[in-house]
C-alpha atoms as a PDB file:
ATOM      1  CA  MET A   1      21.416  19.092  -2.331  1.00  0.00           C
ATOM      2  CA  MET A   2      22.524  15.551  -3.623  1.00  0.00           C
ATOM      3  CA  ASP A   3      19.300  14.281  -2.168  1.00  0.00           C
ATOM      4  CA  ILE A   4      17.304  16.468  -4.222  1.00  0.00           C
ATOM      5  CA  LEU A   5      18.437  15.636  -7.143  1.00  0.00           C
ATOM      6  CA  GLN A   6      18.729  12.163  -7.128  1.00  0.00           C
ATOM      7  CA  ARG A   7      14.638  12.140  -6.408  1.00  0.00           C
ATOM      8  CA  LEU A   8      14.285  14.874  -8.943  1.00  0.00           C
ATOM      9  CA  SER A   9      16.530  11.963 -11.614  1.00  0.00           C
ATOM     10  CA  SER A  10      14.389   8.617 -10.250  1.00  0.00           C
ATOM     11  CA  PRO A  11      11.142   7.580 -12.089  1.00  0.00           C
ATOM     12  CA  VAL A  12       7.781   8.548 -10.661  1.00  0.00           C
ATOM     13  CA  GLN A  13       6.612   5.946  -7.915  1.00  0.00           C
ATOM     14  CA  ALA A  14       3.155   4.360  -7.910  1.00  0.00           C
ATOM     15  CA  PRO A  15       1.061   6.155  -5.055  1.00  0.00           C
ATOM     16  CA  PRO A  16       1.473   4.051  -1.589  1.00  0.00           C
ATOM     17  CA  SER A  17      -1.247   1.625  -0.162  1.00  0.00           C
ATOM     18  CA  GLY A  18      -4.148   3.415   1.192  1.00  0.00           C
ATOM     19  CA  PHE A  19      -3.546   6.647  -0.821  1.00  0.00           C
ATOM     20  CA  LEU A  20      -6.699   6.670  -3.136  1.00  0.00           C
ATOM     21  CA  LEU A  21      -8.856   6.229  -0.150  1.00  0.00           C
ATOM     22  CA  SER A  22      -6.914   9.122   1.800  1.00  0.00           C
ATOM     23  CA  LEU A  23      -7.129  11.197  -1.261  1.00  0.00           C
ATOM     24  CA  LEU A  24     -11.291  10.240  -1.957  1.00  0.00           C
ATOM     25  CA  LEU A  25     -11.529  11.429   1.903  1.00  0.00           C
ATOM     26  CA  SER A  26      -9.557  14.964   1.658  1.00  0.00           C
ATOM     27  CA  LEU A  27     -11.862  15.731  -1.279  1.00  0.00           C
ATOM     28  CA  LEU A  28     -15.035  14.627  -0.301  1.00  0.00           C
ATOM     29  CA  VAL A  29     -14.002  16.868   3.053  1.00  0.00           C
ATOM     30  CA  ALA A  30     -13.124  19.588   0.465  1.00  0.00           C
ATOM     31  CA  PHE A  31     -16.331  19.226  -1.745  1.00  0.00           C
ATOM     32  CA  ILE A  32     -18.616  19.697   2.224  1.00  0.00           C
ATOM     33  CA  VAL A  33     -16.442  22.911   3.159  1.00  0.00           C
ATOM     34  CA  GLY A  34     -16.426  23.995  -0.591  1.00  0.00           C
ATOM     35  CA  GLN A  35     -20.155  23.801  -0.224  1.00  0.00           C
ATOM     36  CA  LEU A  36     -20.624  25.436   3.044  1.00  0.00           C
ATOM     37  CA  ASN A  37     -18.182  28.236   1.854  1.00  0.00           C
ATOM     38  CA  ALA A  38     -20.312  28.874  -1.401  1.00  0.00           C
ATOM     39  CA  TRP A  39     -23.731  28.557   0.774  1.00  0.00           C
ATOM     40  CA  CYS A  40     -22.323  31.170   3.333  1.00  0.00           C
ATOM     41  CA  TYR A  41     -21.362  33.455   0.575  1.00  0.00           C
ATOM     42  CA  ARG A  42     -24.844  33.434  -1.721  1.00  0.00           C
ATOM     43  CA  TRP A  43     -26.823  34.099   1.614  1.00  0.00           C
ATOM     44  CA  THR A  44     -24.688  36.918   2.813  1.00  0.00           C
ATOM     45  CA  HIS A  45     -24.058  38.469  -0.739  1.00  0.00           C
ATOM     46  CA  ARG A  46     -25.861  42.174  -1.276  1.00  0.00           C
ATOM     47  CA  GLY A  47     -25.483  44.207  -4.229  1.00  0.00           C
ATOM     48  CA  VAL A  48     -25.831  43.502  -7.665  1.00  0.00           C
ATOM     49  CA  SER A  49     -22.425  42.346  -8.363  1.00  0.00           C
ATOM     50  CA  TYR A  50     -23.592  38.597  -7.485  1.00  0.00           C
ATOM     51  CA  SER A  51     -22.113  35.847  -9.874  1.00  0.00           C
ATOM     52  CA  ARG A  52     -23.301  32.353  -9.897  1.00  0.00           C
ATOM     53  CA  THR A  53     -19.715  31.334 -11.602  1.00  0.00           C
ATOM     54  CA  PHE A  54     -18.123  32.566  -9.003  1.00  0.00           C
ATOM     55  CA  THR A  55     -20.036  30.966  -6.302  1.00  0.00           C
ATOM     56  CA  GLN A  56     -19.288  27.431  -8.370  1.00  0.00           C
ATOM     57  CA  ALA A  57     -15.676  28.145  -8.726  1.00  0.00           C
ATOM     58  CA  LEU A  58     -15.731  28.563  -4.739  1.00  0.00           C
ATOM     59  CA  VAL A  59     -16.085  24.526  -4.086  1.00  0.00           C
ATOM     60  CA  LEU A  60     -13.724  24.055  -7.120  1.00  0.00           C
ATOM     61  CA  ILE A  61     -11.288  25.754  -5.741  1.00  0.00           C
ATOM     62  CA  SER A  62     -11.512  23.703  -2.276  1.00  0.00           C
ATOM     63  CA  ILE A  63     -11.403  20.395  -4.740  1.00  0.00           C
ATOM     64  CA  ILE A  64      -8.699  21.417  -6.588  1.00  0.00           C
ATOM     65  CA  ALA A  65      -6.599  22.994  -3.507  1.00  0.00           C
ATOM     66  CA  ALA A  66      -7.065  19.724  -1.829  1.00  0.00           C
ATOM     67  CA  MET A  67      -6.019  17.584  -4.663  1.00  0.00           C
ATOM     68  CA  SER A  68      -2.607  19.548  -5.181  1.00  0.00           C
ATOM     69  CA  MET A  69      -1.872  19.238  -1.412  1.00  0.00           C
ATOM     70  CA  SER A  70      -2.718  15.857  -2.097  1.00  0.00           C
ATOM     71  CA  LEU A  71       0.231  15.413  -5.227  1.00  0.00           C
ATOM     72  CA  VAL A  72       2.287  17.525  -3.818  1.00  0.00           C
ATOM     73  CA  ALA A  73       2.764  15.865  -0.290  1.00  0.00           C
ATOM     74  CA  GLY A  74       6.283  14.016   0.190  1.00  0.00           C
ATOM     75  CA  ASN A  75       6.609  14.575  -3.490  1.00  0.00           C
ATOM     76  CA  VAL A  76       9.266  17.024  -4.760  1.00  0.00           C
ATOM     77  CA  VAL A  77       8.765  16.173  -8.486  1.00  0.00           C
ATOM     78  CA  ALA A  78       5.286  16.831  -7.908  1.00  0.00           C
ATOM     79  CA  ALA A  79       4.834  19.994  -6.306  1.00  0.00           C
ATOM     80  CA  PHE A  80       8.019  21.493  -9.094  1.00  0.00           C
ATOM     81  CA  GLY A  81       5.384  20.240 -11.802  1.00  0.00           C
ATOM     82  CA  LEU A  82       2.819  21.878  -9.774  1.00  0.00           C
ATOM     83  CA  LEU A  83       4.847  25.018  -9.756  1.00  0.00           C
ATOM     84  CA  GLY A  84       5.611  24.941 -13.457  1.00  0.00           C
ATOM     85  CA  GLY A  85       2.336  24.120 -14.534  1.00  0.00           C
ATOM     86  CA  LEU A  86       0.892  27.057 -12.597  1.00  0.00           C
ATOM     87  CA  ALA A  87       3.570  29.400 -13.938  1.00  0.00           C
ATOM     88  CA  LEU A  88       2.204  29.123 -17.342  1.00  0.00           C
ATOM     89  CA  ILE A  89      -1.554  29.864 -16.429  1.00  0.00           C
ATOM     90  CA  ARG A  90      -2.412  34.073 -16.306  1.00  0.00           C
ATOM     91  CA  PHE A  91      -5.428  34.506 -14.446  1.00  0.00           C
ATOM     92  CA  ARG A  92      -7.261  37.730 -15.951  1.00  0.00           C
ATOM     93  CA  THR A  93     -10.334  37.599 -13.732  1.00  0.00           C
ATOM     94  CA  ILE A  94     -10.572  40.943 -11.757  1.00  0.00           C
ATOM     95  CA  ILE A  95     -11.832  40.377  -7.910  1.00  0.00           C
ATOM     96  CA  ARG A  96     -13.340  43.957  -7.118  1.00  0.00           C
ATOM     97  CA  ASP A  97     -14.851  43.150  -3.819  1.00  0.00           C
ATOM     98  CA  SER A  98     -12.323  42.312  -0.915  1.00  0.00           C
ATOM     99  CA  ARG A  99     -15.001  40.501   0.865  1.00  0.00           C
ATOM    100  CA  ASP A 100     -15.155  37.785  -2.576  1.00  0.00           C
ATOM    101  CA  ILE A 101     -11.305  38.009  -2.229  1.00  0.00           C
ATOM    102  CA  ALA A 102     -11.941  37.080   1.538  1.00  0.00           C
ATOM    103  CA  PHE A 103     -13.699  33.617   0.002  1.00  0.00           C
ATOM    104  CA  VAL A 104     -11.043  33.006  -2.591  1.00  0.00           C
ATOM    105  CA  PHE A 105      -8.733  32.537   0.657  1.00  0.00           C
ATOM    106  CA  LEU A 106     -10.833  30.760   2.507  1.00  0.00           C
ATOM    107  CA  ALA A 107     -12.002  28.166   0.021  1.00  0.00           C
ATOM    108  CA  MET A 108      -8.172  27.439  -0.807  1.00  0.00           C
ATOM    109  CA  VAL A 109      -6.954  27.518   2.602  1.00  0.00           C
ATOM    110  CA  CYS A 110      -9.979  24.641   3.586  1.00  0.00           C
ATOM    111  CA  GLY A 111      -8.787  22.533   0.485  1.00  0.00           C
ATOM    112  CA  MET A 112      -5.084  22.797   1.471  1.00  0.00           C
ATOM    113  CA  ALA A 113      -6.018  21.520   5.306  1.00  0.00           C
ATOM    114  CA  ALA A 114      -8.328  18.767   3.423  1.00  0.00           C
ATOM    115  CA  GLY A 115      -5.459  17.945   1.148  1.00  0.00           C
ATOM    116  CA  PHE A 116      -2.495  17.793   4.224  1.00  0.00           C
ATOM    117  CA  GLY A 117      -5.289  15.143   5.863  1.00  0.00           C
ATOM    118  CA  TYR A 118      -6.276  17.891   8.206  1.00  0.00           C
ATOM    119  CA  LEU A 119      -9.807  17.268   7.722  1.00  0.00           C
ATOM    120  CA  GLY A 120     -10.763  18.614  11.642  1.00  0.00           C
ATOM    121  CA  THR A 121      -8.989  22.302  10.759  1.00  0.00           C
ATOM    122  CA  ALA A 122     -10.887  22.371   7.570  1.00  0.00           C
ATOM    123  CA  ILE A 123     -13.970  21.773   8.757  1.00  0.00           C
ATOM    124  CA  LEU A 124     -14.016  23.489  12.313  1.00  0.00           C
ATOM    125  CA  GLY A 125     -12.388  26.749  10.048  1.00  0.00           C
ATOM    126  CA  SER A 126     -15.156  26.598   7.248  1.00  0.00           C
ATOM    127  CA  VAL A 127     -17.213  26.336  10.252  1.00  0.00           C
ATOM    128  CA  VAL A 128     -15.756  29.193  12.296  1.00  0.00           C
ATOM    129  CA  ALA A 129     -15.022  31.713   9.453  1.00  0.00           C
ATOM    130  CA  ASN A 130     -18.754  31.363   7.739  1.00  0.00           C
ATOM    131  CA  ALA A 131     -20.004  31.963  11.443  1.00  0.00           C
ATOM    132  CA  VAL A 132     -18.363  35.104  11.366  1.00  0.00           C
ATOM    133  CA  ALA A 133     -19.062  36.130   8.143  1.00  0.00           C
ATOM    134  CA  ALA A 134     -22.669  35.575   9.195  1.00  0.00           C
ATOM    135  CA  TYR A 135     -22.480  37.566  11.845  1.00  0.00           C
ATOM    136  CA  LEU A 136     -20.956  40.378  10.402  1.00  0.00           C
ATOM    137  CA  PHE A 137     -24.101  39.674   8.002  1.00  0.00           C
ATOM    138  CA  LEU A 138     -26.675  39.382   9.767  1.00  0.00           C
ATOM    139  CA  THR A 139     -25.942  42.705  12.501  1.00  0.00           C
ATOM    140  CA  GLY A 140     -24.912  44.855   9.303  1.00  0.00           C
ATOM    141  CA  PHE A 141     -21.344  45.726  10.445  1.00  0.00           C
ATOM    142  CA  GLY A 142     -19.525  48.434   8.955  1.00  0.00           C
ATOM    143  CA  ALA A 143     -22.428  50.125   7.165  1.00  0.00           C
ATOM    144  CA  TRP A 144     -23.964  53.209   7.306  1.00  0.00           C
ATOM    145  CA  HIS A 145     -26.502  54.718   9.658  1.00  0.00           C
ATOM    146  CA  ALA A 146     -30.128  52.535   8.606  1.00  0.00           C
ATOM    147  CA  ARG A 147     -31.378  55.997   8.065  1.00  0.00           C
ATOM    148  CA  ASP A 148     -28.397  57.298   5.770  1.00  0.00           C
ATOM    149  CA  SER A 149     -29.281  57.564   2.036  1.00  0.00           C
ATOM    150  CA  LEU A 150     -27.036  58.815  -0.775  1.00  0.00           C
ATOM    151  CA  LEU A 151     -27.986  61.907  -2.797  1.00  0.00           C
ATOM    152  CA  ARG A 152     -26.365  62.176  -6.246  1.00  0.00           C
ATOM    153  CA  PHE A 153     -26.961  65.473  -8.720  1.00  0.00           C
ATOM    154  CA  GLU A 154     -25.562  67.104 -11.920  1.00  0.00           C
ATOM    155  CA  VAL A 155     -26.098  70.804 -11.810  1.00  0.00           C
ATOM    156  CA  PRO A 156     -24.110  73.221 -14.015  1.00  0.00           C
ATOM    157  CA  SER A 157     -21.308  74.702 -12.374  1.00  0.00           C
ATOM    158  CA  HIS A 158     -21.908  78.549 -12.548  1.00  0.00           C
ATOM    159  CA  ALA A 159     -25.278  77.664 -10.693  1.00  0.00           C
ATOM    160  CA  LEU A 160     -24.235  75.472  -8.212  1.00  0.00           C
ATOM    161  CA  ARG A 161     -24.102  77.505  -4.286  1.00  0.00           C
ATOM    162  CA  SER A 162     -23.844  75.574  -1.194  1.00  0.00           C
ATOM    163  CA  SER A 163     -26.437  77.526   0.072  1.00  0.00           C
ATOM    164  CA  ASP A 164     -29.052  76.767  -2.391  1.00  0.00           C
ATOM    165  CA  VAL A 165     -28.131  73.079  -1.832  1.00  0.00           C
ATOM    166  CA  ALA A 166     -28.516  73.476   1.999  1.00  0.00           C
ATOM    167  CA  ALA A 167     -31.799  75.179   1.603  1.00  0.00           C
ATOM    168  CA  VAL A 168     -33.674  72.451  -0.328  1.00  0.00           C
ATOM    169  CA  LEU A 169     -31.872  69.703   2.244  1.00  0.00           C
ATOM    170  CA  LYS A 170     -33.110  71.506   5.391  1.00  0.00           C
ATOM    171  CA  ASP A 171     -36.414  71.261   4.342  1.00  0.00           C
ATOM    172  CA  PHE A 172     -36.298  67.358   4.147  1.00  0.00           C
ATOM    173  CA  CYS A 173     -33.551  66.085   6.038  1.00  0.00           C
ATOM    174  CA  ARG A 174     -32.420  66.095   9.747  1.00  0.00           C
ATOM    175  CA  GLY A 175     -28.785  65.754   8.837  1.00  0.00           C
ATOM    176  CA  TYR A 176     -26.819  66.400   5.527  1.00  0.00           C
ATOM    177  CA  SER A 177     -23.112  66.092   4.708  1.00  0.00           C
ATOM    178  CA  VAL A 178     -20.616  66.763   1.684  1.00  0.00           C
ATOM    179  CA  VAL A 179     -19.102  63.116   0.258  1.00  0.00           C
ATOM    180  CA  SER A 180     -17.812  64.701  -2.750  1.00  0.00           C
ATOM    181  CA  VAL A 181     -17.955  67.694  -5.791  1.00  0.00           C
ATOM    182  CA  ASP A 182     -16.277  66.943  -8.942  1.00  0.00           C
ATOM    183  CA  GLU A 183     -16.511  68.822 -12.004  1.00  0.00           C
ATOM    184  CA  SER A 184     -17.087  66.906 -15.189  1.00  0.00           C
ATOM    185  CA  VAL A 185     -14.915  67.001 -18.217  1.00  0.00           C
ATOM    186  CA  LEU A 186     -15.928  68.574 -21.486  1.00  0.00           C
ATOM    187  CA  THR A 187     -17.030  66.118 -23.932  1.00  0.00           C
ATOM    188  CA  GLU A 188     -18.268  69.105 -26.773  1.00  0.00           C
ATOM    189  CA  SER A 189     -16.915  72.464 -27.697  1.00  0.00           C
ATOM    190  CA  GLY A 190     -19.253  75.079 -26.403  1.00  0.00           C
ATOM    191  CA  GLN A 191     -20.863  72.358 -23.629  1.00  0.00           C
ATOM    192  CA  GLU A 192     -21.316  74.146 -20.303  1.00  0.00           C
ATOM    193  CA  PRO A 193     -19.312  72.162 -17.684  1.00  0.00           C
ATOM    194  CA  LEU A 194     -21.437  69.928 -14.824  1.00  0.00           C
ATOM    195  CA  CYS A 195     -20.253  69.409 -11.202  1.00  0.00           C
ATOM    196  CA  GLN A 196     -21.494  65.746 -10.076  1.00  0.00           C
ATOM    197  CA  CYS A 197     -22.294  66.063  -6.446  1.00  0.00           C
ATOM    198  CA  ALA A 198     -22.835  63.398  -3.548  1.00  0.00           C
ATOM    199  CA  TYR A 199     -24.483  64.070   0.074  1.00  0.00           C
ATOM    200  CA  LYS A 200     -25.261  61.575   2.502  1.00  0.00           C
ATOM    201  CA  VAL A 201     -28.464  62.557   3.920  1.00  0.00           C
ATOM    202  CA  ARG A 202     -30.904  61.159   6.908  1.00  0.00           C
ATOM    203  CA  LEU A 203     -34.157  61.909   5.772  1.00  0.00           C
ATOM    204  CA  HIS A 204     -37.371  63.312   8.447  1.00  0.00           C
ATOM    205  CA  ASP A 205     -38.592  60.329   6.788  1.00  0.00           C
ATOM    206  CA  PRO A 206     -38.176  57.723   4.551  1.00  0.00           C
ATOM    207  CA  GLU A 207     -41.426  58.757   2.807  1.00  0.00           C
ATOM    208  CA  ASP A 208     -40.208  62.033   1.090  1.00  0.00           C
ATOM    209  CA  GLY A 209     -37.076  60.994  -0.750  1.00  0.00           C
ATOM    210  CA  PRO A 210     -39.070  61.702  -4.163  1.00  0.00           C
ATOM    211  CA  ASP A 211     -40.408  65.100  -2.749  1.00  0.00           C
ATOM    212  CA  LEU A 212     -36.858  66.035  -2.406  1.00  0.00           C
ATOM    213  CA  VAL A 213     -35.584  64.580  -5.754  1.00  0.00           C
ATOM    214  CA  ALA A 214     -38.514  66.662  -7.204  1.00  0.00           C
ATOM    215  CA  ALA A 215     -37.253  70.208  -5.020  1.00  0.00           C
ATOM    216  CA  LEU A 216     -34.119  69.616  -6.359  1.00  0.00           C
ATOM    217  CA  LYS A 217     -35.031  69.510 -10.422  1.00  0.00           C
ATOM    218  CA  ARG A 218     -37.122  72.581  -9.729  1.00  0.00           C
ATOM    219  CA  ALA A 219     -34.519  74.460  -7.896  1.00  0.00           C
ATOM    220  CA  PHE A 220     -31.621  73.677  -9.986  1.00  0.00           C
ATOM    221  CA  ARG A 221     -33.516  72.941 -13.170  1.00  0.00           C
ATOM    222  CA  ILE A 222     -31.808  69.541 -13.611  1.00  0.00           C
ATOM    223  CA  ASP A 223     -33.053  65.961 -14.550  1.00  0.00           C
ATOM    224  CA  ALA A 224     -30.239  63.800 -13.305  1.00  0.00           C
ATOM    225  CA  VAL A 225     -30.965  63.321  -9.882  1.00  0.00           C
ATOM    226  CA  HIS A 226     -30.629  59.990  -7.297  1.00  0.00           C
ATOM    227  CA  LEU A 227     -31.310  59.397  -4.023  1.00  0.00           C
ATOM    228  CA  VAL A 228     -29.984  55.727  -3.028  1.00  0.00           C
ATOM    229  CA  ILE A 229     -32.265  54.603   0.144  1.00  0.00           C
ATOM    230  CA  ASP A 230     -30.937  50.921   0.451  1.00  0.00           C
ATOM    231  CA  GLN A 231     -27.074  51.918   1.280  1.00  0.00           C
ATOM    232  CA  ALA A 232     -26.120  48.019   1.573  1.00  0.00           C
ATOM    233  CA  ASN A 233     -26.007  48.075  -1.857  1.00  0.00           C
ATOM    234  CA  GLU A 234     -24.448  51.310  -2.578  1.00  0.00           C
ATOM    235  CA  ASP A 235     -20.172  51.723  -2.434  1.00  0.00           C
ATOM    236  CA  ILE A 236     -18.913  55.130  -1.848  1.00  0.00           C
ATOM    237  CA  ALA A 237     -15.486  56.537  -3.412  1.00  0.00           C
END
């Protein structure tokens, strides 16, 4: 305890010999692995939520983490100062994709490893992690069957009958299942309640998609019918 107090009360000392060269090497490795992480993220990303600034942040996170670890290594004063500085920052960015969170942690850990001098660990860890990400992307791991599609439509509550929906789907689909059926909240007085329906369907022929949409519109006299063929860009709740 006394040793910690003495180190806190002592003046800040100059960096040891060779520190700047070691820091430069750590930052260089952090930049390289950050670039590798960012390029792999960009290549394997699917969907419409891609952000250029997030991709750039992956590179910066690795460099900042490396610099932070180099400062706090063996320096209690710098560690407490860094902790206090981070406590003042309020992070308001919401990361909705769990895969994005994984890349943020990867960038942070690679930067920390480079900052502590474990350059081989940073490089090897980045290569292995990105190789696994590429494997998951190329194999489509966790995705639905390639022929599965998502059908969404809104129909008046009084007109919704599962038998009528099944009669239409059987003509175009080899299989189907209900994902969700939710009744919408009335927004205007006297407005007829609508049911929002979502079905997982497997078409006999992907070219029959427009015909299925048209058949549902005719059967229920509705306009809001959406058929998503590419399930890689769709999240189902």
